[in-house]
Protein backbone atom coordinates (compact mmCIF):
# COMPACT_ATOMS: atom_id res chain seq x y z
CA MET A 1 1.55 1.01 -0.81
CA VAL A 2 -1.22 3.51 -1.12
CA LYS A 3 -1.23 5.41 2.11
CA ARG A 4 -3.94 7.21 4.01
CA GLY A 5 -4.51 10.62 2.53
CA VAL A 6 -6.65 12.87 0.39
CA CYS A 7 -7.41 13.01 -3.34
CA ALA A 8 -8.02 16.31 -5.08
CA ALA A 9 -10.41 17.43 -7.83
CA ALA A 10 -10.30 14.20 -9.78
CA ALA A 11 -12.97 12.93 -12.14
CA LEU A 12 -13.74 9.28 -11.45
CA SER A 13 -15.47 6.99 -13.97
CA LEU A 14 -16.70 3.58 -12.92
CA VAL A 15 -17.49 1.74 -16.12
CA VAL A 16 -18.86 -1.67 -15.26
CA ALA A 17 -19.53 -2.75 -18.85
CA GLY A 18 -19.74 -1.59 -22.49
CA THR A 19 -21.43 1.40 -23.94
CA GLY A 20 -25.09 1.59 -24.69
CA ARG A 21 -28.22 3.58 -24.34
CA SER A 22 -28.87 5.85 -21.41
CA ALA A 23 -30.97 4.53 -18.59
CA PRO A 24 -34.62 5.35 -19.32
CA SER A 25 -35.92 8.44 -17.55
CA ILE A 26 -38.94 10.69 -17.73
CA ALA A 27 -38.73 14.41 -17.16
CA GLY A 28 -39.80 15.20 -13.65
CA SER A 29 -39.70 11.57 -12.54
CA VAL A 30 -37.83 10.28 -9.49
CA PRO A 31 -34.18 9.51 -10.42
CA VAL A 32 -33.46 5.79 -10.74
CA PRO A 33 -31.15 4.57 -7.92
CA VAL A 34 -27.82 3.18 -9.18
CA ALA A 35 -26.29 2.37 -5.79
CA ASP A 36 -26.66 2.73 -2.04
CA ALA A 37 -24.55 5.08 0.07
CA VAL A 38 -23.83 3.31 3.34
CA VAL A 39 -22.57 5.10 6.45
CA ILE A 40 -19.75 3.12 8.08
CA ASP A 41 -18.46 5.87 10.40
CA PRO A 42 -20.43 9.08 11.19
CA GLY A 43 -19.50 12.11 9.16
CA VAL A 44 -21.17 11.27 5.84
CA GLU A 45 -23.30 13.61 3.76
CA VAL A 46 -25.36 13.03 0.61
CA ARG A 47 -26.38 15.58 -2.00
CA ALA A 48 -29.48 15.02 -4.14
CA GLY A 49 -28.79 16.15 -7.68
CA ALA A 50 -25.98 18.27 -9.06
CA ALA A 51 -27.65 21.49 -7.84
CA GLY A 52 -28.63 20.16 -4.43
CA THR A 53 -27.07 20.81 -1.05
CA TYR A 54 -25.36 18.28 1.18
CA SER A 55 -27.21 16.89 4.18
CA ALA A 56 -25.94 14.56 6.87
CA VAL A 57 -27.18 10.96 6.70
CA GLN A 58 -27.10 8.28 9.37
CA THR A 59 -28.29 5.20 7.47
CA SER A 60 -28.14 3.65 4.00
CA THR A 61 -29.42 6.02 1.32
CA HIS A 62 -30.15 5.45 -2.38
CA VAL A 63 -28.00 7.46 -4.80
CA ALA A 64 -28.86 8.21 -8.41
CA GLU A 65 -27.41 10.13 -11.34
CA GLY A 66 -26.21 13.56 -10.27
CA ASP A 67 -26.09 12.70 -6.55
CA GLY A 68 -22.99 13.20 -4.44
CA VAL A 69 -21.52 11.58 -1.34
CA ARG A 70 -18.82 13.09 0.83
CA THR A 71 -17.09 12.42 4.14
CA ASP A 72 -15.63 14.78 6.69
CA ALA A 73 -12.53 14.31 8.87
CA THR A 74 -14.13 11.34 10.67
CA GLY A 75 -16.42 9.88 8.01
CA PHE A 76 -16.19 6.52 6.25
CA ALA A 77 -18.71 5.65 3.52
CA GLU A 78 -19.42 2.85 1.07
CA ILE A 79 -21.03 3.04 -2.37
CA ALA A 80 -22.65 -0.35 -3.03
CA TYR A 81 -23.44 -0.79 -6.73
CA LEU A 82 -26.26 -2.90 -8.07
CA ASP A 83 -23.85 -5.49 -9.55
CA GLY A 84 -22.20 -6.08 -6.17
CA SER A 85 -19.12 -3.93 -6.73
CA ARG A 86 -18.00 -1.57 -3.97
CA THR A 87 -16.34 1.82 -3.66
CA ARG A 88 -15.39 3.11 -0.22
CA LEU A 89 -14.51 6.66 0.72
CA ASP A 90 -11.87 7.49 3.29
CA VAL A 91 -12.03 10.69 5.35
CA ASN A 92 -12.37 14.03 3.57
CA THR A 93 -13.48 12.50 0.30
CA GLU A 94 -16.07 13.75 -2.19
CA PHE A 95 -17.68 11.46 -4.76
CA ASP A 96 -20.38 12.13 -7.37
CA VAL A 97 -22.50 9.77 -9.47
CA VAL A 98 -22.59 11.59 -12.80
CA ALA A 99 -24.36 9.29 -15.27
CA LEU A 100 -25.71 5.79 -15.78
CA VAL A 101 -25.79 3.83 -19.04
CA ASP A 102 -27.61 0.51 -19.37
CA ASP A 103 -27.31 -1.94 -22.27
CA ALA A 104 -29.27 -5.21 -22.05
CA GLY A 105 -28.94 -5.28 -18.30
CA VAL A 106 -25.22 -4.46 -18.29
CA SER A 107 -24.63 -1.08 -16.65
CA SER A 108 -21.96 1.59 -16.83
CA THR A 109 -21.63 4.14 -14.08
CA ARG A 110 -19.63 7.32 -14.53
CA THR A 111 -18.69 9.26 -11.45
CA SER A 112 -16.40 12.06 -10.32
CA MET A 113 -14.26 12.33 -7.23
CA GLY A 114 -12.94 15.29 -5.28
CA ILE A 115 -10.52 15.39 -2.37
CA GLY A 116 -10.02 12.02 -0.69
CA ARG A 117 -8.95 8.41 -1.01
CA THR A 118 -11.01 5.54 -2.39
CA TRP A 119 -10.90 1.76 -2.35
CA HIS A 120 -12.60 -0.20 -5.15
CA ARG A 121 -13.60 -3.85 -5.31
CA VAL A 122 -15.07 -4.77 -8.68
CA GLU A 123 -17.10 -7.84 -9.50
CA SER A 124 -15.45 -9.94 -12.19
CA LEU A 125 -17.28 -9.40 -15.47
CA GLY A 126 -15.97 -12.55 -17.17
CA GLU A 127 -17.03 -12.65 -20.81
CA ALA A 128 -19.75 -10.06 -20.34
CA GLY A 129 -17.38 -7.38 -21.58
CA GLY A 130 -16.99 -3.87 -20.27
CA GLY A 131 -14.81 -2.79 -17.41
CA PHE A 132 -14.51 -0.48 -14.44
CA SER A 133 -12.77 2.79 -15.31
CA VAL A 134 -11.60 5.52 -12.96
CA GLU A 135 -10.77 8.86 -14.51
CA THR A 136 -8.69 11.16 -12.33
CA SER A 137 -6.76 14.35 -13.01
CA GLN A 138 -3.59 12.33 -13.67
CA ALA A 139 -4.75 9.18 -15.48
CA THR A 140 -7.68 6.98 -16.42
CA ALA A 141 -7.57 3.53 -14.79
CA THR A 142 -9.46 0.69 -16.46
CA VAL A 143 -9.97 -2.73 -14.90
CA THR A 144 -12.04 -5.90 -15.21
CA GLY A 145 -12.67 -7.57 -11.87
CA THR A 146 -10.08 -6.34 -9.41
CA ALA A 147 -9.21 -4.66 -6.12
CA PHE A 148 -7.44 -1.33 -6.22
CA ALA A 149 -7.02 1.98 -4.41
CA ILE A 150 -6.45 5.53 -5.61
CA GLU A 151 -5.06 8.46 -3.67
CA CYS A 152 -4.46 11.98 -4.97
CA VAL A 153 -2.69 14.38 -2.63
CA SER A 154 -3.43 17.21 -5.07
CA ASP A 155 -4.81 17.64 -8.56
CA ALA A 156 -1.21 17.28 -9.78
CA GLU A 157 -0.30 14.04 -7.99
CA CYS A 158 -2.11 10.70 -7.72
CA SER A 159 -1.04 7.17 -6.81
CA TYR A 160 -2.68 4.01 -8.14
CA GLY A 161 -2.28 0.67 -6.41
CA VAL A 162 -3.75 -2.60 -7.70
CA ILE A 163 -3.97 -5.55 -5.31
CA GLU A 164 -5.78 -8.10 -7.46
CA GLY A 165 -6.18 -8.30 -11.24
CA SER A 166 -4.73 -5.58 -13.45
CA LEU A 167 -5.07 -1.88 -14.00
CA GLU A 168 -4.55 -0.09 -17.31
CA LEU A 169 -3.56 3.53 -16.80
CA THR A 170 -3.94 5.99 -19.66
CA LEU A 171 -2.06 9.22 -19.03
CA PRO A 172 -3.16 12.60 -20.42
CA ASP A 173 -0.61 12.35 -23.26
CA GLY A 174 -1.99 8.96 -24.33
CA THR A 175 0.75 6.86 -22.72
CA VAL A 176 -0.63 3.53 -21.49
CA ILE A 177 0.82 1.75 -18.43
CA ASP A 178 -0.19 -1.82 -17.64
CA LEU A 179 -0.20 -2.22 -13.88
CA ALA A 180 -0.27 -5.87 -12.80
CA ALA A 181 -1.11 -6.77 -9.22
CA PRO A 182 0.32 -6.32 -6.74
CA SER A 183 1.96 -3.00 -7.60
CA VAL A 184 1.68 0.76 -7.27
CA VAL A 185 2.68 3.75 -9.37
CA ASN A 186 2.72 7.46 -8.65
CA VAL A 187 1.83 10.00 -11.34
CA VAL A 188 2.87 13.65 -11.00
CA ASN A 189 1.89 16.29 -13.55
CA GLY A 190 0.96 13.56 -16.01
CA VAL A 191 4.32 11.75 -15.72
CA ALA A 192 4.44 8.28 -14.18
CA ASP A 193 7.13 7.18 -11.76
CA VAL A 194 8.59 3.66 -11.74
CA VAL A 195 6.03 0.90 -11.10
CA THR A 196 6.83 -0.63 -7.69
CA PRO A 197 5.90 -4.15 -6.53
CA VAL A 198 3.95 -4.21 -3.26
CA PRO A 199 4.30 -7.09 -0.75
CA TYR A 200 1.55 -8.05 1.69
CA ASP A 201 2.85 -5.75 4.42
CA GLY A 202 2.94 -2.83 2.01
CA VAL A 203 -0.83 -3.08 1.63
CA PHE A 204 -2.21 -4.58 4.78
CA GLY A 205 0.09 -2.71 7.10
CA ASP A 206 -2.46 0.09 6.62
CA PRO A 207 -5.39 -0.31 9.07
CA TRP A 208 -7.82 1.37 6.66
CA LEU A 209 -7.00 -1.12 3.90
CA VAL A 210 -7.29 -3.99 6.39
CA ASP A 211 -10.75 -2.72 7.33
CA ASN A 212 -11.71 -2.64 3.64
CA ALA A 213 -10.47 -6.20 3.16
CA VAL A 214 -12.57 -7.42 6.09
CA ARG A 215 -15.65 -5.71 4.66
CA ASP A 216 -14.94 -7.19 1.24
CA VAL A 217 -14.91 -10.69 2.69
CA ALA A 218 -18.28 -10.03 4.31
CA ALA A 219 -19.53 -8.92 0.86
CA GLY A 220 -18.40 -12.19 -0.71
CA PHE A 221 -14.99 -11.26 -2.10
CA ALA A 222 -11.75 -13.21 -1.56
CA ASP A 223 -9.76 -12.61 1.63
CA PRO A 224 -6.22 -11.09 1.56
CA ALA A 225 -4.47 -14.45 2.08
CA THR A 226 -6.27 -15.94 -0.92
CA ILE A 227 -5.37 -12.90 -3.02
CA TYR A 228 -1.68 -12.96 -2.11
CA GLN A 229 -0.94 -16.70 -2.14
CA PRO A 230 -0.56 -16.93 -5.97
CA TYR A 231 2.12 -14.22 -5.88
CA GLY A 232 4.57 -16.55 -4.13
CA SER A 233 6.59 -16.52 -0.92
CA ALA A 234 8.47 -13.32 -1.79
CA TYR A 235 5.26 -11.27 -1.44
CA ALA A 236 4.14 -12.77 1.87
CA SER A 237 4.34 -10.95 5.21
CA MET A 238 7.79 -10.51 6.74
CA ALA A 239 6.50 -8.65 9.80
CA GLY A 240 7.47 -10.29 13.07
CA THR A 241 10.38 -11.89 14.93
CA PHE A 242 12.71 -14.51 13.43
CA HIS A 243 15.46 -16.70 14.89
CA VAL A 244 18.54 -16.00 12.78
CA THR A 245 21.76 -18.00 12.50
CA GLY A 246 24.72 -17.57 10.20
CA THR A 247 28.45 -17.45 9.56
CA ILE A 248 30.70 -14.43 9.09
CA THR A 249 32.07 -14.53 5.56
CA ASP A 250 33.98 -11.26 5.27
CA GLN A 251 35.48 -8.51 7.44
CA ARG A 252 37.10 -5.29 6.27
CA CYS A 253 38.67 -2.54 8.39
CA ASP A 254 39.94 0.86 7.29
CA SER A 255 42.65 0.64 9.98
CA LEU A 256 41.91 -0.67 13.50
CA CYS A 257 39.35 -3.51 13.76
CA LEU A 258 36.91 -3.54 16.63
CA GLU A 259 36.98 -6.60 18.85
CA GLY A 260 34.33 -9.19 18.01
CA PRO A 261 33.57 -12.22 15.83
CA ALA A 262 36.01 -13.05 13.06
CA VAL A 263 35.57 -14.61 9.62
CA GLY A 264 34.29 -18.16 10.04
CA ASP A 265 32.64 -17.50 13.40
CA SER A 266 28.96 -18.32 13.93
CA ILE A 267 26.29 -15.82 14.89
CA ASP A 268 22.92 -16.50 16.52
CA TYR A 269 20.32 -13.86 17.33
CA SER A 270 16.65 -12.86 17.16
CA PHE A 271 15.48 -9.97 15.02
CA THR A 272 12.10 -8.30 14.54
CA PHE A 273 11.34 -7.06 11.04
CA ASP A 274 8.82 -4.32 10.37
CA SER A 275 8.94 -2.37 7.11
CA GLY A 276 11.63 -2.35 4.47
CA ASP A 277 12.31 -2.08 0.75
CA PHE A 278 11.12 -4.73 -1.71
CA ASP A 279 12.30 -5.36 -5.27
CA GLY A 280 9.90 -8.18 -6.19
CA SER A 281 12.11 -11.02 -4.93
CA SER A 282 14.01 -9.86 -1.84
CA HIS A 283 13.45 -7.56 1.13
CA THR A 284 15.97 -5.09 2.55
CA PHE A 285 15.71 -3.93 6.14
CA THR A 286 18.06 -1.25 7.49
CA ALA A 287 18.52 -0.44 11.18
CA ASP A 288 20.76 2.47 12.17
CA SER A 289 21.96 3.36 15.64
CA GLU A 290 24.61 5.48 17.33
CA GLN A 291 26.57 5.21 20.55
CA ALA A 292 29.34 7.01 22.40
CA CYS A 293 32.99 6.03 22.15
CA GLY A 294 35.77 7.15 24.48
CA PHE A 295 37.65 6.11 27.62
CA ASP A 296 36.60 3.92 30.51
CA ASP A 297 38.90 5.41 33.14
CA ASP A 298 37.72 3.37 36.11
CA GLY A 299 37.26 0.05 34.31
CA ASP A 300 33.56 -0.32 35.15
CA GLY A 301 32.50 -0.85 31.54
CA ALA A 302 30.99 2.64 31.18
CA ILE A 303 32.52 5.47 29.18
CA ASP A 304 33.81 8.23 31.47
CA ARG A 305 35.28 10.51 28.79
CA GLU A 306 33.39 10.65 25.49
CA THR A 307 35.58 11.45 22.50
CA GLY A 308 33.18 10.78 19.67
CA ARG A 309 30.12 8.98 18.36
CA LEU A 310 30.15 5.57 16.69
CA ALA A 311 27.44 4.92 14.06
CA THR A 312 26.21 1.38 13.36
CA SER A 313 24.18 0.29 10.31
CA ASP A 314 22.74 -3.23 10.09
CA VAL A 315 21.42 -4.14 6.64
CA HIS A 316 19.49 -7.40 6.21
CA THR A 317 18.90 -8.47 2.59
CA LEU A 318 16.53 -11.44 2.66
CA THR A 319 14.95 -13.81 0.16
CA PRO A 320 11.89 -15.70 1.49
CA THR A 321 11.99 -19.46 0.92
CA ALA A 322 8.85 -20.72 2.69
CA VAL A 323 5.42 -19.36 3.55
CA GLU A 324 2.41 -20.50 5.61
CA VAL A 325 -0.98 -18.97 6.24
CA ARG A 326 -1.17 -18.26 9.97
CA THR A 327 -4.06 -16.43 11.63
CA GLY A 328 -5.35 -15.60 8.16
CA ILE A 329 -2.08 -13.98 7.05
CA PRO A 330 0.37 -15.44 4.50
CA GLN A 331 3.56 -15.31 6.57
CA VAL A 332 7.13 -15.92 5.49
CA THR A 333 8.41 -18.74 7.74
CA ALA A 334 11.97 -19.10 6.40
CA PHE A 335 14.51 -17.04 4.48
CA THR A 336 18.12 -16.93 3.34
CA GLY A 337 20.20 -13.80 2.92
CA THR A 338 23.00 -11.63 4.19
CA LEU A 339 23.62 -9.33 7.13
CA THR A 340 26.04 -6.48 6.51
CA THR A 341 27.05 -4.45 9.57
CA THR A 342 29.02 -1.23 9.10
CA TRP A 343 30.60 0.83 11.85
CA SER A 344 31.79 4.37 11.15
CA VAL A 345 32.77 7.45 13.15
CA ALA A 346 29.81 9.82 13.17
CA SER A 347 31.59 12.62 15.02
CA GLY A 348 34.79 13.26 16.95
CA GLU A 349 37.19 10.34 17.10
CA CYS A 350 37.12 6.80 18.45
CA PHE A 351 39.93 4.77 19.98
CA GLU A 352 42.40 7.66 19.91
CA GLY A 353 41.69 8.25 16.24
CA GLN A 354 42.89 4.80 15.19
CA PHE A 355 39.44 3.51 14.24
CA LEU A 356 38.17 4.76 10.90
CA GLY A 357 35.58 2.20 9.87
CA GLN A 358 34.73 -1.49 9.66
CA THR A 359 32.32 -3.71 7.67
CA VAL A 360 31.36 -7.28 8.55
CA THR A 361 29.27 -9.53 6.27
CA ALA A 362 27.52 -12.76 7.27
CA ALA A 363 25.52 -15.35 5.35
CA ILE A 364 22.35 -15.99 7.32
CA THR A 365 19.16 -18.05 7.45
CA GLY A 366 16.07 -17.33 9.49
CA SER A 367 12.95 -19.12 10.62
CA ARG A 368 9.89 -18.67 12.84
């Protein structure tokens, strides 16, 4: 999902509703506050006006048109808008409030963003119209009541991840991409990569995004479990240890077969899953290892003369079938799938050169 990082020289527009007349102002008057800049972790500075200089702040500070907020390598800041929406700045992020438009009490805020990463939680606007738009160097993202994050590692590359609701991305050439939650897309030099679905672990495996979710709940937004439950069991968390049982269904050897279970034999083991690939319905976890092969001259079970290296690759392809919310996390509690284990010679030779490779496949189920 959107990882911790920095976002370069990107213009950011937060349009919370339609177009309209500019907020009333009088030359020389005090700028009208449009939000509060809140210090979460020290290392936050605020600039008054486009021509002002940055000064460190320790507490909540009003921000108005033309003001800027930035964080250093340790800072963490929140922009709290008058309608209840939130933008939070990760480390090394710069964010400006450029202009405010107000039409019959419905406001539009346009901002710009420099290096950094941001998280946005937008109040649902219902039938009030308008939206929340983020203009970056790579695309303009428009939403209506959603949770999303943007990261740009340079002015030529940005990623956009939507966790709740939808995100409409308009690329510089006019191409429009509809990004439905939960998914992420990377845009490089104005060209979008493939849209990728994002399971729970792909988002909330990131401590910074977890922190944002906790703060959102305190601000009255839905918690992560509530957000992810409608997406179904496939998107729930796979992280953790499962008890796995199964039956070997196929075995293929290039020449010599290693000793072990045969087709029809049962297997029973525990396995801890962390991060893997996800295609929107199934998860793939790959674990690779390597060990010595050779001769046990004294019969003690240890190799005395190494002749080569044996590589092992275990590939679990799993489809979740049941989910429960445990400790506030939607967790997969059961799955079906396959385990494919492949042995190959990584270097040298094994078993006097007679072993060339072997693949064993098992149908498995898991639970926890």
